[in-house]
Amino acid sequence: MATFRKRGDKWRAEIVKNGIRKSATFSTKTEASRWALSIESQIEAGGI
């Protein structure tokens, strides 16, 4: 499950899944959501 936080004018997405922690910063929440969904799918598939 991803967590989204507004930091100034940017959005930060943070993911912790199966002991793997990833985070990134984006201009919009939509971009952050798409990235988070993609990374979570990769983790579940065993690609990361």
PDB file of N, CA and C in Angstrom:
ATOM      1  N   MET A   1       0.843  -1.180   0.000  1.00  0.00           N
ATOM      2  CA  MET A   1       0.000   0.000   0.000  1.00  0.00           C
ATOM      3  C   MET A   1       0.884   1.237   0.000  1.00  0.00           C
ATOM      4  N   ALA A   2       0.566   2.155  -0.835  1.00  0.00           N
ATOM      5  CA  ALA A   2       1.349   3.378  -0.953  1.00  0.00           C
ATOM      6  C   ALA A   2       0.783   4.473  -0.057  1.00  0.00           C
ATOM      7  N   THR A   3       1.681   5.337   0.368  1.00  0.00           N
ATOM      8  CA  THR A   3       1.312   6.517   1.135  1.00  0.00           C
ATOM      9  C   THR A   3       1.699   7.729   0.308  1.00  0.00           C
ATOM     10  N   PHE A   4       0.815   8.708   0.240  1.00  0.00           N
ATOM     11  CA  PHE A   4       1.072   9.921  -0.528  1.00  0.00           C
ATOM     12  C   PHE A   4       1.063  11.115   0.414  1.00  0.00           C
ATOM     13  N   ARG A   5       2.085  11.967   0.277  1.00  0.00           N
ATOM     14  CA  ARG A   5       2.195  13.151   1.127  1.00  0.00           C
ATOM     15  C   ARG A   5       2.507  14.363   0.266  1.00  0.00           C
ATOM     16  N   LYS A   6       1.862  15.450   0.577  1.00  0.00           N
ATOM     17  CA  LYS A   6       2.124  16.705  -0.131  1.00  0.00           C
ATOM     18  C   LYS A   6       3.265  17.407   0.605  1.00  0.00           C
ATOM     19  N   ARG A   7       4.325  17.708  -0.134  1.00  0.00           N
ATOM     20  CA  ARG A   7       5.483  18.399   0.437  1.00  0.00           C
ATOM     21  C   ARG A   7       5.736  19.648  -0.406  1.00  0.00           C
ATOM     22  N   GLY A   8       5.285  20.768   0.111  1.00  0.00           N
ATOM     23  CA  GLY A   8       5.378  22.009  -0.671  1.00  0.00           C
ATOM     24  C   GLY A   8       4.456  21.915  -1.859  1.00  0.00           C
ATOM     25  N   ASP A   9       5.017  22.039  -3.066  1.00  0.00           N
ATOM     26  CA  ASP A   9       4.189  21.920  -4.267  1.00  0.00           C
ATOM     27  C   ASP A   9       4.382  20.575  -4.962  1.00  0.00           C
ATOM     28  N   LYS A  10       5.025  19.629  -4.305  1.00  0.00           N
ATOM     29  CA  LYS A  10       5.291  18.301  -4.866  1.00  0.00           C
ATOM     30  C   LYS A  10       4.561  17.226  -4.063  1.00  0.00           C
ATOM     31  N   TRP A  11       4.422  16.050  -4.666  1.00  0.00           N
ATOM     32  CA  TRP A  11       3.819  14.895  -4.012  1.00  0.00           C
ATOM     33  C   TRP A  11       4.882  13.818  -3.843  1.00  0.00           C
ATOM     34  N   ARG A  12       4.933  13.210  -2.669  1.00  0.00           N
ATOM     35  CA  ARG A  12       5.884  12.136  -2.383  1.00  0.00           C
ATOM     36  C   ARG A  12       5.103  10.848  -2.206  1.00  0.00           C
ATOM     37  N   ALA A  13       5.511   9.829  -2.938  1.00  0.00           N
ATOM     38  CA  ALA A  13       4.898   8.499  -2.828  1.00  0.00           C
ATOM     39  C   ALA A  13       5.885   7.604  -2.096  1.00  0.00           C
ATOM     40  N   GLU A  14       5.397   6.871  -1.098  1.00  0.00           N
ATOM     41  CA  GLU A  14       6.226   5.949  -0.337  1.00  0.00           C
ATOM     42  C   GLU A  14       5.554   4.588  -0.319  1.00  0.00           C
ATOM     43  N   ILE A  15       6.341   3.553  -0.615  1.00  0.00           N
ATOM     44  CA  ILE A  15       5.827   2.190  -0.656  1.00  0.00           C
ATOM     45  C   ILE A  15       6.683   1.322   0.244  1.00  0.00           C
ATOM     46  N   VAL A  16       6.029   0.496   1.063  1.00  0.00           N
ATOM     47  CA  VAL A  16       6.707  -0.549   1.821  1.00  0.00           C
ATOM     48  C   VAL A  16       5.894  -1.813   1.602  1.00  0.00           C
ATOM     49  N   LYS A  17       6.504  -2.793   0.919  1.00  0.00           N
ATOM     50  CA  LYS A  17       5.790  -4.017   0.584  1.00  0.00           C
ATOM     51  C   LYS A  17       6.784  -5.172   0.595  1.00  0.00           C
ATOM     52  N   ASN A  18       6.464  -6.224   1.300  1.00  0.00           N
ATOM     53  CA  ASN A  18       7.325  -7.409   1.388  1.00  0.00           C
ATOM     54  C   ASN A  18       8.743  -7.055   1.816  1.00  0.00           C
ATOM     55  N   GLY A  19       8.873  -6.083   2.708  1.00  0.00           N
ATOM     56  CA  GLY A  19      10.185  -5.681   3.193  1.00  0.00           C
ATOM     57  C   GLY A  19      10.964  -4.789   2.248  1.00  0.00           C
ATOM     58  N   ILE A  20      10.364  -4.391   1.141  1.00  0.00           N
ATOM     59  CA  ILE A  20      11.026  -3.522   0.165  1.00  0.00           C
ATOM     60  C   ILE A  20      10.464  -2.113   0.326  1.00  0.00           C
ATOM     61  N   ARG A  21      11.364  -1.146   0.467  1.00  0.00           N
ATOM     62  CA  ARG A  21      10.959   0.245   0.649  1.00  0.00           C
ATOM     63  C   ARG A  21      11.408   1.063  -0.551  1.00  0.00           C
ATOM     64  N   LYS A  22      10.458   1.804  -1.146  1.00  0.00           N
ATOM     65  CA  LYS A  22      10.742   2.671  -2.289  1.00  0.00           C
ATOM     66  C   LYS A  22      10.024   3.998  -2.068  1.00  0.00           C
ATOM     67  N   SER A  23      10.602   5.076  -2.573  1.00  0.00           N
ATOM     68  CA  SER A  23       9.925   6.368  -2.523  1.00  0.00           C
ATOM     69  C   SER A  23      10.403   7.225  -3.688  1.00  0.00           C
ATOM     70  N   ALA A  24       9.560   8.172  -4.074  1.00  0.00           N
ATOM     71  CA  ALA A  24       9.894   9.091  -5.160  1.00  0.00           C
ATOM     72  C   ALA A  24       9.009  10.327  -5.031  1.00  0.00           C
ATOM     73  N   THR A  25       9.432  11.410  -5.672  1.00  0.00           N
ATOM     74  CA  THR A  25       8.715  12.674  -5.624  1.00  0.00           C
ATOM     75  C   THR A  25       8.221  13.039  -7.025  1.00  0.00           C
ATOM     76  N   PHE A  26       6.993  13.580  -7.082  1.00  0.00           N
ATOM     77  CA  PHE A  26       6.348  13.885  -8.362  1.00  0.00           C
ATOM     78  C   PHE A  26       5.666  15.243  -8.314  1.00  0.00           C
ATOM     79  N   SER A  27       5.387  15.773  -9.487  1.00  0.00           N
ATOM     80  CA  SER A  27       4.712  17.068  -9.600  1.00  0.00           C
ATOM     81  C   SER A  27       3.233  16.970  -9.261  1.00  0.00           C
ATOM     82  N   THR A  28       2.604  15.832  -9.618  1.00  0.00           N
ATOM     83  CA  THR A  28       1.171  15.676  -9.368  1.00  0.00           C
ATOM     84  C   THR A  28       0.900  14.379  -8.614  1.00  0.00           C
ATOM     85  N   LYS A  29      -0.226  14.341  -7.945  1.00  0.00           N
ATOM     86  CA  LYS A  29      -0.616  13.133  -7.225  1.00  0.00           C
ATOM     87  C   LYS A  29      -0.934  11.997  -8.200  1.00  0.00           C
ATOM     88  N   THR A  30      -1.445  12.342  -9.368  1.00  0.00           N
ATOM     89  CA  THR A  30      -1.754  11.326 -10.383  1.00  0.00           C
ATOM     90  C   THR A  30      -0.487  10.604 -10.822  1.00  0.00           C
ATOM     91  N   GLU A  31       0.581  11.354 -11.066  1.00  0.00           N
ATOM     92  CA  GLU A  31       1.858  10.738 -11.429  1.00  0.00           C
ATOM     93  C   GLU A  31       2.355   9.830 -10.309  1.00  0.00           C
ATOM     94  N   ALA A  32       2.227  10.292  -9.083  1.00  0.00           N
ATOM     95  CA  ALA A  32       2.662   9.508  -7.929  1.00  0.00           C
ATOM     96  C   ALA A  32       1.859   8.217  -7.822  1.00  0.00           C
ATOM     97  N   SER A  33       0.556   8.292  -8.045  1.00  0.00           N
ATOM     98  CA  SER A  33      -0.305   7.107  -7.972  1.00  0.00           C
ATOM     99  C   SER A  33       0.053   6.088  -9.042  1.00  0.00           C
ATOM    100  N   ARG A  34       0.290   6.559 -10.253  1.00  0.00           N
ATOM    101  CA  ARG A  34       0.668   5.655 -11.350  1.00  0.00           C
ATOM    102  C   ARG A  34       1.989   4.964 -11.063  1.00  0.00           C
ATOM    103  N   TRP A  35       2.958   5.714 -10.573  1.00  0.00           N
ATOM    104  CA  TRP A  35       4.262   5.144 -10.238  1.00  0.00           C
ATOM    105  C   TRP A  35       4.116   4.101  -9.137  1.00  0.00           C
ATOM    106  N   ALA A  36       3.354   4.432  -8.097  1.00  0.00           N
ATOM    107  CA  ALA A  36       3.172   3.514  -6.979  1.00  0.00           C
ATOM    108  C   ALA A  36       2.519   2.217  -7.444  1.00  0.00           C
ATOM    109  N   LEU A  37       1.504   2.304  -8.273  1.00  0.00           N
ATOM    110  CA  LEU A  37       0.833   1.110  -8.780  1.00  0.00           C
ATOM    111  C   LEU A  37       1.805   0.252  -9.584  1.00  0.00           C
ATOM    112  N   SER A  38       2.618   0.896 -10.410  1.00  0.00           N
ATOM    113  CA  SER A  38       3.599   0.181 -11.217  1.00  0.00           C
ATOM    114  C   SER A  38       4.636  -0.527 -10.344  1.00  0.00           C
ATOM    115  N   ILE A  39       5.168   0.158  -9.356  1.00  0.00           N
ATOM    116  CA  ILE A  39       6.183  -0.428  -8.478  1.00  0.00           C
ATOM    117  C   ILE A  39       5.593  -1.561  -7.647  1.00  0.00           C
ATOM    118  N   GLU A  40       4.382  -1.381  -7.121  1.00  0.00           N
ATOM    119  CA  GLU A  40       3.739  -2.454  -6.343  1.00  0.00           C
ATOM    120  C   GLU A  40       3.536  -3.697  -7.205  1.00  0.00           C
ATOM    121  N   SER A  41       3.140  -3.516  -8.460  1.00  0.00           N
ATOM    122  CA  SER A  41       2.961  -4.648  -9.367  1.00  0.00           C
ATOM    123  C   SER A  41       4.276  -5.356  -9.605  1.00  0.00           C
ATOM    124  N   GLN A  42       5.359  -4.609  -9.791  1.00  0.00           N
ATOM    125  CA  GLN A  42       6.662  -5.199 -10.007  1.00  0.00           C
ATOM    126  C   GLN A  42       7.122  -5.989  -8.780  1.00  0.00           C
ATOM    127  N   ILE A  43       6.875  -5.461  -7.608  1.00  0.00           N
ATOM    128  CA  ILE A  43       7.262  -6.147  -6.369  1.00  0.00           C
ATOM    129  C   ILE A  43       6.493  -7.458  -6.256  1.00  0.00           C
ATOM    130  N   GLU A  44       5.187  -7.419  -6.512  1.00  0.00           N
ATOM    131  CA  GLU A  44       4.372  -8.626  -6.414  1.00  0.00           C
ATOM    132  C   GLU A  44       4.796  -9.680  -7.436  1.00  0.00           C
ATOM    133  N   ALA A  45       5.238  -9.237  -8.614  1.00  0.00           N
ATOM    134  CA  ALA A  45       5.665 -10.160  -9.661  1.00  0.00           C
ATOM    135  C   ALA A  45       7.085 -10.683  -9.420  1.00  0.00           C
ATOM    136  N   GLY A  46       7.766 -10.105  -8.435  1.00  0.00           N
ATOM    137  CA  GLY A  46       9.110 -10.535  -8.124  1.00  0.00           C
ATOM    138  C   GLY A  46      10.186  -9.879  -8.952  1.00  0.00           C
ATOM    139  N   GLY A  47       9.830  -8.793  -9.643  1.00  0.00           N
ATOM    140  CA  GLY A  47      10.774  -8.110 -10.506  1.00  0.00           C
ATOM    141  C   GLY A  47      11.717  -7.177  -9.773  1.00  0.00           C
ATOM    142  N   ILE A  48      11.396  -6.872  -8.527  1.00  0.00           N
ATOM    143  CA  ILE A  48      12.271  -5.975  -7.740  1.00  0.00           C
ATOM    144  C   ILE A  48      12.736  -6.720  -6.509  1.00  0.00           C
TER     145      ILE A  48
END
